[in-house]
C-alpha atoms as a PDB file:
ATOM      1  CA  MET A   1      -3.490  -3.564 -15.120  1.00  0.00           C
ATOM      2  CA  VAL A   2      -5.846  -6.002 -14.188  1.00  0.00           C
ATOM      3  CA  HIS A   3      -8.280  -5.583 -16.834  1.00  0.00           C
ATOM      4  CA  VAL A   4      -5.698  -6.689 -19.110  1.00  0.00           C
ATOM      5  CA  LEU A   5      -4.976  -9.952 -17.571  1.00  0.00           C
ATOM      6  CA  PRO A   6      -8.138 -11.719 -19.363  1.00  0.00           C
ATOM      7  CA  ASP A   7      -7.069 -10.568 -22.763  1.00  0.00           C
ATOM      8  CA  THR A   8      -3.376 -11.704 -22.172  1.00  0.00           C
ATOM      9  CA  ASN A   9      -4.515 -15.344 -20.733  1.00  0.00           C
ATOM     10  CA  GLU A  10      -6.670 -15.503 -23.841  1.00  0.00           C
ATOM     11  CA  THR A  11      -3.982 -14.865 -26.378  1.00  0.00           C
ATOM     12  CA  TYR A  12      -1.627 -16.874 -24.299  1.00  0.00           C
ATOM     13  CA  MET A  13      -3.999 -19.734 -24.359  1.00  0.00           C
ATOM     14  CA  GLU A  14      -4.689 -19.329 -28.320  1.00  0.00           C
ATOM     15  CA  TRP A  15      -0.662 -19.534 -28.777  1.00  0.00           C
ATOM     16  CA  ALA A  16      -0.377 -22.434 -26.727  1.00  0.00           C
ATOM     17  CA  ASP A  17      -3.109 -24.194 -28.450  1.00  0.00           C
ATOM     18  CA  LYS A  18      -1.625 -23.489 -31.754  1.00  0.00           C
ATOM     19  CA  ASN A  19       1.865 -24.753 -30.715  1.00  0.00           C
ATOM     20  CA  GLY A  20       0.481 -28.072 -29.454  1.00  0.00           C
ATOM     21  CA  TYR A  21       0.621 -27.459 -25.639  1.00  0.00           C
ATOM     22  CA  LYS A  22      -2.152 -29.279 -23.864  1.00  0.00           C
ATOM     23  CA  GLU A  23      -1.737 -28.260 -20.207  1.00  0.00           C
ATOM     24  CA  THR A  24      -0.177 -24.495 -19.698  1.00  0.00           C
ATOM     25  CA  PHE A  25       1.293 -22.773 -16.838  1.00  0.00           C
ATOM     26  CA  PRO A  26      -0.481 -19.427 -16.328  1.00  0.00           C
ATOM     27  CA  LEU A  27       2.394 -17.257 -17.494  1.00  0.00           C
ATOM     28  CA  PRO A  28       0.826 -14.095 -18.196  1.00  0.00           C
ATOM     29  CA  THR A  29      -0.762 -13.966 -14.529  1.00  0.00           C
ATOM     30  CA  PHE A  30       2.449 -15.137 -13.011  1.00  0.00           C
ATOM     31  CA  MET A  31       4.444 -12.438 -14.817  1.00  0.00           C
ATOM     32  CA  CYS A  32       2.075  -9.718 -13.810  1.00  0.00           C
ATOM     33  CA  MET A  33       2.302 -10.818 -10.192  1.00  0.00           C
ATOM     34  CA  ILE A  34       6.255 -11.111 -10.273  1.00  0.00           C
ATOM     35  CA  GLY A  35       6.181  -7.479 -11.844  1.00  0.00           C
ATOM     36  CA  TYR A  36       4.056  -6.096  -9.096  1.00  0.00           C
ATOM     37  CA  VAL A  37       6.242  -7.472  -6.271  1.00  0.00           C
ATOM     38  CA  PHE A  38       9.081  -6.328  -8.117  1.00  0.00           C
ATOM     39  CA  ILE A  39       7.990  -2.886  -8.227  1.00  0.00           C
ATOM     40  CA  LEU A  40       6.899  -2.922  -4.825  1.00  0.00           C
ATOM     41  CA  LEU A  41      10.217  -4.177  -3.558  1.00  0.00           C
ATOM     42  CA  ILE A  42      11.939  -1.479  -5.466  1.00  0.00           C
ATOM     43  CA  ASP A  43       9.618   1.298  -4.219  1.00  0.00           C
ATOM     44  CA  ARG A  44      10.375   0.104  -0.412  1.00  0.00           C
ATOM     45  CA  VAL A  45      14.057  -0.143  -1.155  1.00  0.00           C
ATOM     46  CA  ILE A  46      14.248   3.502  -2.757  1.00  0.00           C
ATOM     47  CA  ALA A  47      11.958   4.786   0.106  1.00  0.00           C
ATOM     48  CA  ALA A  48      14.118   3.262   2.873  1.00  0.00           C
ATOM     49  CA  SER A  49      17.293   4.509   1.269  1.00  0.00           C
ATOM     50  CA  PHE A  50      15.834   8.239   1.125  1.00  0.00           C
ATOM     51  CA  LYS A  51      14.136   7.938   4.362  1.00  0.00           C
ATOM     52  CA  ILE A  52      10.753   8.619   3.009  1.00  0.00           C
ATOM     53  CA  ASN A  53       8.195   7.541   5.529  1.00  0.00           C
ATOM     54  CA  GLU A  54       5.205   8.950   7.454  1.00  0.00           C
ATOM     55  CA  ASN A  55       7.499  10.027  10.210  1.00  0.00           C
ATOM     56  CA  ALA A  56       9.195  13.033   8.563  1.00  0.00           C
ATOM     57  CA  SER A  57      11.106  15.173  10.776  1.00  0.00           C
ATOM     58  CA  ASP A  58       9.450  18.402  12.009  1.00  0.00           C
ATOM     59  CA  HIS A  59      11.827  21.007  10.165  1.00  0.00           C
ATOM     60  CA  ASP A  60      10.632  19.283   6.879  1.00  0.00           C
ATOM     61  CA  VAL A  61       6.780  19.905   7.773  1.00  0.00           C
ATOM     62  CA  LYS A  62       4.903  23.043   7.452  1.00  0.00           C
ATOM     63  CA  PRO A  63       3.340  24.501  10.715  1.00  0.00           C
ATOM     64  CA  GLU A  64      -0.074  24.241   9.441  1.00  0.00           C
ATOM     65  CA  HIS A  65       0.519  20.440   8.461  1.00  0.00           C
ATOM     66  CA  LYS A  66       1.938  19.358  11.749  1.00  0.00           C
ATOM     67  CA  LYS A  67       0.181  16.733  13.668  1.00  0.00           C
ATOM     68  CA  VAL A  68      -1.052  17.759  17.018  1.00  0.00           C
ATOM     69  CA  VAL A  69      -0.701  15.062  19.380  1.00  0.00           C
ATOM     70  CA  PRO A  70      -2.650  15.881  22.936  1.00  0.00           C
ATOM     71  CA  GLU A  71      -0.741  15.509  25.859  1.00  0.00           C
ATOM     72  CA  PRO A  72      -2.344  12.889  28.521  1.00  0.00           C
ATOM     73  CA  VAL A  73      -4.459  14.389  31.258  1.00  0.00           C
ATOM     74  CA  GLU A  74      -4.383  12.924  34.720  1.00  0.00           C
ATOM     75  CA  MET A  75      -7.965  12.840  36.009  1.00  0.00           C
ATOM     76  CA  THR A  76      -8.350  14.465  39.425  1.00  0.00           C
ATOM     77  CA  GLU A  77     -11.461  15.819  41.266  1.00  0.00           C
ATOM     78  CA  ASP A  78     -10.443  19.364  40.303  1.00  0.00           C
ATOM     79  CA  ASN A  79     -10.804  18.873  36.510  1.00  0.00           C
ATOM     80  CA  VAL A  80     -13.636  16.311  36.430  1.00  0.00           C
ATOM     81  CA  VAL A  81     -17.008  17.758  35.087  1.00  0.00           C
ATOM     82  CA  GLU A  82     -20.191  16.068  36.252  1.00  0.00           C
ATOM     83  CA  ASN A  83     -22.900  15.952  33.693  1.00  0.00           C
ATOM     84  CA  GLU A  84     -26.274  16.636  35.464  1.00  0.00           C
ATOM     85  CA  VAL A  85     -29.415  15.355  33.680  1.00  0.00           C
ATOM     86  CA  GLU A  86     -32.482  17.377  34.375  1.00  0.00           C
END
């Protein structure tokens, strides 16, 4: 999409010059940004309404794709291994 912006700006400026506009608002760039924000908002609304997110429930995830979260280990003298340098 970004590679099209220079061409659209050039075409818009030619049209503005042809119709006698001296200073023009960068309408093609503005419309591209508005379109992007609109699609982003729609995507967020759809994702929220269907509860599509990274925190999917475990029953929807295959066992081989589940995240493994290690449990914290309390450090005691029994489970500390000292590294000896020779």
